[in-house]
C-alpha atoms as a PDB file:
ATOM      1  CA  UNK A   1     -15.755 -12.674   2.937  1.00  0.00           C
ATOM      2  CA  UNK A   2     -15.680  -8.847   2.712  1.00  0.00           C
ATOM      3  CA  UNK A   3     -13.129  -6.357   2.805  1.00  0.00           C
ATOM      4  CA  UNK A   4     -13.043  -4.123   5.930  1.00  0.00           C
ATOM      5  CA  UNK A   5     -12.668  -0.458   5.624  1.00  0.00           C
ATOM      6  CA  UNK A   6      -9.076  -0.765   7.290  1.00  0.00           C
ATOM      7  CA  UNK A   7      -8.111  -3.226   4.642  1.00  0.00           C
ATOM      8  CA  UNK A   8      -9.329  -1.255   1.805  1.00  0.00           C
ATOM      9  CA  UNK A   9      -7.182   1.758   3.175  1.00  0.00           C
ATOM     10  CA  UNK A  10      -4.410  -0.603   3.139  1.00  0.00           C
ATOM     11  CA  UNK A  11      -4.915  -1.883  -0.227  1.00  0.00           C
ATOM     12  CA  UNK A  12      -5.328   1.778  -1.607  1.00  0.00           C
ATOM     13  CA  UNK A  13      -2.055   2.731   0.116  1.00  0.00           C
ATOM     14  CA  UNK A  14      -0.294  -0.067  -1.583  1.00  0.00           C
ATOM     15  CA  UNK A  15      -1.501   1.103  -4.938  1.00  0.00           C
ATOM     16  CA  UNK A  16       0.203   4.447  -4.451  1.00  0.00           C
ATOM     17  CA  UNK A  17       3.577   2.481  -4.991  1.00  0.00           C
ATOM     18  CA  UNK A  18       5.063   2.424  -8.349  1.00  0.00           C
ATOM     19  CA  UNK A  19       5.965  -1.342  -8.568  1.00  0.00           C
ATOM     20  CA  UNK A  20       8.019  -0.675 -11.620  1.00  0.00           C
ATOM     21  CA  UNK A  21      10.683   1.315  -9.544  1.00  0.00           C
ATOM     22  CA  UNK A  22      11.797   0.034  -6.399  1.00  0.00           C
ATOM     23  CA  UNK A  23      13.711   3.257  -5.665  1.00  0.00           C
ATOM     24  CA  UNK A  24      10.532   5.224  -5.526  1.00  0.00           C
ATOM     25  CA  UNK A  25       8.705   5.177  -2.090  1.00  0.00           C
ATOM     26  CA  UNK A  26       5.834   7.238  -0.601  1.00  0.00           C
ATOM     27  CA  UNK A  27       5.421   9.440   2.565  1.00  0.00           C
ATOM     28  CA  UNK A  28       2.106   9.538   4.220  1.00  0.00           C
ATOM     29  CA  UNK A  29       2.087  13.240   5.707  1.00  0.00           C
ATOM     30  CA  UNK A  30       0.229  14.052   8.862  1.00  0.00           C
ATOM     31  CA  UNK A  31      -2.319  16.011   6.801  1.00  0.00           C
ATOM     32  CA  UNK A  32      -3.406  12.717   5.062  1.00  0.00           C
ATOM     33  CA  UNK A  33      -5.879  11.924   7.832  1.00  0.00           C
ATOM     34  CA  UNK A  34      -5.955   9.314  10.655  1.00  0.00           C
ATOM     35  CA  UNK A  35      -7.304   6.339   8.257  1.00  0.00           C
ATOM     36  CA  UNK A  36      -4.520   6.964   5.874  1.00  0.00           C
ATOM     37  CA  UNK A  37      -1.917   7.204   8.543  1.00  0.00           C
ATOM     38  CA  UNK A  38      -3.103   4.104  10.328  1.00  0.00           C
ATOM     39  CA  UNK A  39      -3.065   2.140   7.084  1.00  0.00           C
ATOM     40  CA  UNK A  40       0.712   3.133   6.480  1.00  0.00           C
ATOM     41  CA  UNK A  41       1.463   1.996  10.279  1.00  0.00           C
ATOM     42  CA  UNK A  42      -0.389  -1.284   9.826  1.00  0.00           C
ATOM     43  CA  UNK A  43       1.361  -2.097   6.410  1.00  0.00           C
ATOM     44  CA  UNK A  44       4.744  -1.393   8.372  1.00  0.00           C
ATOM     45  CA  UNK A  45       3.465  -3.624  11.387  1.00  0.00           C
ATOM     46  CA  UNK A  46       2.773  -6.400   8.600  1.00  0.00           C
ATOM     47  CA  UNK A  47       6.355  -5.974   7.239  1.00  0.00           C
ATOM     48  CA  UNK A  48       5.127  -4.747   3.862  1.00  0.00           C
ATOM     49  CA  UNK A  49       6.734  -1.316   4.075  1.00  0.00           C
ATOM     50  CA  UNK A  50      10.049   0.040   5.621  1.00  0.00           C
ATOM     51  CA  UNK A  51       8.654   2.946   7.499  1.00  0.00           C
ATOM     52  CA  UNK A  52       5.358   3.503   9.580  1.00  0.00           C
ATOM     53  CA  UNK A  53       4.743   6.554   7.477  1.00  0.00           C
ATOM     54  CA  UNK A  54       5.131   4.668   4.052  1.00  0.00           C
ATOM     55  CA  UNK A  55       8.988   4.507   2.832  1.00  0.00           C
ATOM     56  CA  UNK A  56       9.769   1.835   0.490  1.00  0.00           C
ATOM     57  CA  UNK A  57       8.237  -1.585  -0.315  1.00  0.00           C
ATOM     58  CA  UNK A  58       9.954  -4.572   1.603  1.00  0.00           C
ATOM     59  CA  UNK A  59      10.393  -7.852  -0.714  1.00  0.00           C
ATOM     60  CA  UNK A  60       6.909  -9.132   0.461  1.00  0.00           C
ATOM     61  CA  UNK A  61       5.361  -5.619   0.064  1.00  0.00           C
ATOM     62  CA  UNK A  62       6.534  -5.449  -3.357  1.00  0.00           C
ATOM     63  CA  UNK A  63       4.988  -8.959  -4.243  1.00  0.00           C
ATOM     64  CA  UNK A  64       1.842  -8.170  -2.643  1.00  0.00           C
ATOM     65  CA  UNK A  65       1.753  -4.785  -4.428  1.00  0.00           C
ATOM     66  CA  UNK A  66       2.527  -6.314  -7.938  1.00  0.00           C
ATOM     67  CA  UNK A  67      -0.260  -8.750  -7.374  1.00  0.00           C
ATOM     68  CA  UNK A  68      -2.617  -5.913  -6.330  1.00  0.00           C
ATOM     69  CA  UNK A  69      -1.745  -3.714  -9.346  1.00  0.00           C
ATOM     70  CA  UNK A  70      -2.395  -6.757 -11.573  1.00  0.00           C
ATOM     71  CA  UNK A  71      -5.860  -7.412 -10.061  1.00  0.00           C
ATOM     72  CA  UNK A  72      -6.664  -3.637 -10.334  1.00  0.00           C
ATOM     73  CA  UNK A  73      -5.859  -3.829 -13.902  1.00  0.00           C
ATOM     74  CA  UNK A  74      -7.869  -6.838 -14.628  1.00  0.00           C
ATOM     75  CA  UNK A  75     -10.717  -5.557 -12.747  1.00  0.00           C
ATOM     76  CA  UNK A  76     -10.905  -1.867 -14.099  1.00  0.00           C
ATOM     77  CA  UNK A  77      -9.878  -2.585 -17.838  1.00  0.00           C
ATOM     78  CA  UNK A  78     -12.749  -2.733 -20.148  1.00  0.00           C
END
């Protein structure tokens, strides 16, 4: 199994969220580029974020982001 470029874009977008503060969201601006804009839209379509351009994490999105942050920490800590 490999990760597609689209999935990597989605994962990178989820890593932008601060999982310790549910009141902190993100906004993917039009200048961000088509790949990042599309990733935010796909996360919204999957029910992970509240807005097509980011917004806040949903309950499912928060759980996914927490796991992703943990995996990222494990894999990048020496």
